[in-house]
Amino acid sequence: MGTRVRTKQDESARATHVIAGFEKYLATASITLGSTAYTPDQITGALQLLVNLHSAVDTARSVVNAKLVAEKAQAPALRSLLAAVVSFVKLTFSESPDVLADFGLPPKTVKTPLTTEQQAVAVAKRKATRVARGTTSKKAKMAVKGDVIGVTLTPVKASAPV
């Protein structure tokens, strides 16, 4: 019963040691594993491929981490620049929807005015919401006063130790 390999680094180190031991002691022997015959070159090549794959993944991971750090450092300033350019383009070409479309921006939408009935419904809804929430004006809030007229303090004595 062999020891358990826990990480890719451990596995790479084990494969490297097995390659070294194989080249030292079994370099000329053909081995049959699982009903398949392997030459020494096939075994060392396969194990070296495993080591190379782990190494390539580690290298790629470090490159990705470096790129993420660079993105985190530079992206806020670049986002601010992008927002400023978009604002400039919207302001400059606000009346030209075809130019805005070339920049990938939606054209300015014109709000349709409410009808008299819609305005009356909106006013009624706002009034009902204020009543339901109990919201009042600044002057009405100032008129609300508490009903506490005095406070009586009662001293508390510590009990005798047991």
Protein backbone atom coordinates (compact mmCIF):
# COMPACT_ATOMS: atom_id res chain seq x y z
CA MET A 1 0.00 0.00 0.00
CA GLY A 2 1.64 3.25 -1.18
CA THR A 3 1.51 6.72 0.26
CA ARG A 4 -1.12 9.09 -1.01
CA VAL A 5 -0.10 12.04 -3.21
CA ARG A 6 -1.86 15.16 -1.97
CA THR A 7 -1.00 18.00 -4.38
CA LYS A 8 0.14 18.51 -7.95
CA GLN A 9 3.53 19.63 -6.64
CA ASP A 10 3.83 16.38 -4.68
CA GLU A 11 2.79 14.41 -7.74
CA SER A 12 5.35 16.21 -9.93
CA ALA A 13 8.09 15.62 -7.37
CA ARG A 14 7.17 11.95 -7.11
CA ALA A 15 7.13 11.55 -10.91
CA THR A 16 10.56 13.23 -11.14
CA HIS A 17 11.97 10.86 -8.50
CA VAL A 18 10.42 7.83 -10.21
CA ILE A 19 11.97 8.93 -13.54
CA ALA A 20 15.38 9.27 -11.90
CA GLY A 21 15.08 5.88 -10.19
CA PHE A 22 13.77 4.24 -13.34
CA GLU A 23 16.68 5.57 -15.40
CA LYS A 24 19.13 4.36 -12.76
CA TYR A 25 17.79 0.85 -12.11
CA LEU A 26 15.35 -0.14 -14.87
CA ALA A 27 16.66 1.67 -17.95
CA THR A 28 16.92 -1.51 -20.02
CA ALA A 29 13.98 -3.53 -18.69
CA SER A 30 10.58 -3.72 -20.39
CA ILE A 31 7.72 -3.70 -17.88
CA THR A 32 4.19 -5.07 -18.24
CA LEU A 33 1.56 -3.08 -16.35
CA GLY A 34 -2.14 -3.88 -16.65
CA SER A 35 -1.58 -6.33 -19.54
CA THR A 36 0.33 -3.69 -21.51
CA ALA A 37 4.05 -3.83 -22.14
CA TYR A 38 5.96 -0.57 -21.74
CA THR A 39 9.48 0.29 -22.81
CA PRO A 40 11.65 2.43 -20.52
CA ASP A 41 11.37 5.34 -22.96
CA GLN A 42 7.56 5.15 -22.91
CA ILE A 43 7.43 5.20 -19.13
CA THR A 44 9.91 8.06 -18.67
CA GLY A 45 8.26 9.99 -21.52
CA ALA A 46 4.80 9.63 -19.99
CA LEU A 47 5.97 10.62 -16.52
CA GLN A 48 7.92 13.57 -17.92
CA LEU A 49 4.76 14.65 -19.76
CA LEU A 50 2.90 14.68 -16.43
CA VAL A 51 5.63 16.84 -14.86
CA ASN A 52 5.57 19.18 -17.87
CA LEU A 53 1.79 19.50 -17.73
CA HIS A 54 1.86 20.45 -14.05
CA SER A 55 4.64 22.93 -14.70
CA ALA A 56 2.75 24.49 -17.61
CA VAL A 57 -0.38 24.86 -15.48
CA ASP A 58 1.60 26.54 -12.70
CA THR A 59 3.21 28.92 -15.18
CA ALA A 60 -0.13 29.77 -16.77
CA ARG A 61 -1.69 30.30 -13.34
CA SER A 62 1.05 32.74 -12.34
CA VAL A 63 0.60 34.62 -15.63
CA VAL A 64 -3.16 34.82 -15.04
CA ASN A 65 -2.64 36.05 -11.48
CA ALA A 66 -0.24 38.74 -12.71
CA LYS A 67 -2.78 39.85 -15.33
CA LEU A 68 -5.55 39.97 -12.70
CA VAL A 69 -3.39 42.15 -10.44
CA ALA A 70 -2.65 44.49 -13.36
CA GLU A 71 -6.34 44.64 -14.27
CA LYS A 72 -7.33 45.40 -10.69
CA ALA A 73 -4.80 48.23 -10.51
CA GLN A 74 -5.54 49.85 -13.88
CA ALA A 75 -9.23 49.16 -14.51
CA PRO A 76 -10.76 51.87 -12.23
CA ALA A 77 -8.96 54.70 -14.03
CA LEU A 78 -9.80 53.22 -17.41
CA ARG A 79 -13.47 52.81 -16.45
CA SER A 80 -13.57 56.47 -15.43
CA LEU A 81 -12.09 57.46 -18.78
CA LEU A 82 -14.65 55.29 -20.60
CA ALA A 83 -17.52 56.89 -18.66
CA ALA A 84 -16.22 60.38 -19.45
CA VAL A 85 -15.88 59.57 -23.16
CA VAL A 86 -19.40 58.10 -23.26
CA SER A 87 -20.78 61.22 -21.57
CA PHE A 88 -18.94 63.43 -24.05
CA VAL A 89 -20.23 61.44 -27.03
CA LYS A 90 -23.80 61.50 -25.71
CA LEU A 91 -23.62 65.24 -25.19
CA THR A 92 -21.95 65.97 -28.52
CA PHE A 93 -24.09 63.70 -30.70
CA SER A 94 -27.35 63.66 -28.72
CA GLU A 95 -29.37 64.70 -31.78
CA SER A 96 -27.79 62.12 -34.13
CA PRO A 97 -29.07 58.65 -33.32
CA ASP A 98 -27.13 57.08 -36.21
CA VAL A 99 -23.82 58.42 -34.84
CA LEU A 100 -24.72 57.21 -31.32
CA ALA A 101 -25.46 53.78 -32.80
CA ASP A 102 -21.96 53.75 -34.33
CA PHE A 103 -20.60 54.22 -30.80
CA GLY A 104 -22.87 51.43 -29.54
CA LEU A 105 -25.02 53.83 -27.53
CA PRO A 106 -28.83 53.89 -27.52
CA PRO A 107 -30.49 57.05 -28.82
CA LYS A 108 -31.97 59.52 -26.37
CA THR A 109 -35.54 58.54 -25.56
CA VAL A 110 -38.21 61.21 -25.40
CA LYS A 111 -40.64 60.81 -22.55
CA THR A 112 -44.27 60.97 -23.53
CA PRO A 113 -46.25 63.39 -21.38
CA LEU A 114 -48.96 61.98 -19.12
CA THR A 115 -52.58 62.55 -19.93
CA THR A 116 -54.76 64.46 -17.49
CA GLU A 117 -56.29 61.22 -16.22
CA GLN A 118 -52.85 59.65 -15.69
CA GLN A 119 -51.69 62.73 -13.77
CA ALA A 120 -54.78 62.58 -11.52
CA VAL A 121 -54.15 58.88 -10.81
CA ALA A 122 -50.47 59.59 -10.00
CA VAL A 123 -51.40 62.39 -7.58
CA ALA A 124 -53.92 60.15 -5.82
CA LYS A 125 -51.37 57.33 -5.52
CA ARG A 126 -48.73 59.68 -4.08
CA LYS A 127 -51.20 61.02 -1.51
CA ALA A 128 -52.28 57.49 -0.51
CA THR A 129 -48.64 56.42 -0.15
CA ARG A 130 -47.84 59.39 2.12
CA VAL A 131 -50.84 58.56 4.30
CA ALA A 132 -49.95 54.86 4.44
CA ARG A 133 -46.33 55.54 5.36
CA GLY A 134 -47.17 58.35 7.74
CA THR A 135 -44.82 60.77 5.99
CA THR A 136 -45.40 64.42 6.65
CA SER A 137 -43.89 67.75 5.75
CA LYS A 138 -41.03 69.35 7.68
CA LYS A 139 -43.39 71.72 9.53
CA ALA A 140 -45.73 68.86 10.47
CA LYS A 141 -42.78 66.88 11.86
CA MET A 142 -41.76 69.87 14.00
CA ALA A 143 -45.24 69.96 15.52
CA VAL A 144 -44.96 66.38 16.79
CA LYS A 145 -43.78 66.34 20.41
CA GLY A 146 -43.24 63.53 22.86
CA ASP A 147 -45.43 63.12 25.98
CA VAL A 148 -42.65 62.48 28.54
CA ILE A 149 -42.78 65.13 31.26
CA GLY A 150 -40.23 63.77 33.74
CA VAL A 151 -37.87 60.93 34.57
CA THR A 152 -37.48 59.27 37.96
CA LEU A 153 -34.29 57.39 38.73
CA THR A 154 -34.37 54.49 41.20
CA PRO A 155 -31.03 53.51 42.73
CA VAL A 156 -30.16 49.81 42.64
CA LYS A 157 -28.11 48.38 45.50
CA ALA A 158 -25.76 45.43 45.10
CA SER A 159 -26.71 42.31 47.01
CA ALA A 160 -24.51 41.02 49.83
CA PRO A 161 -21.83 38.52 48.75
CA VAL A 162 -22.61 34.89 49.49
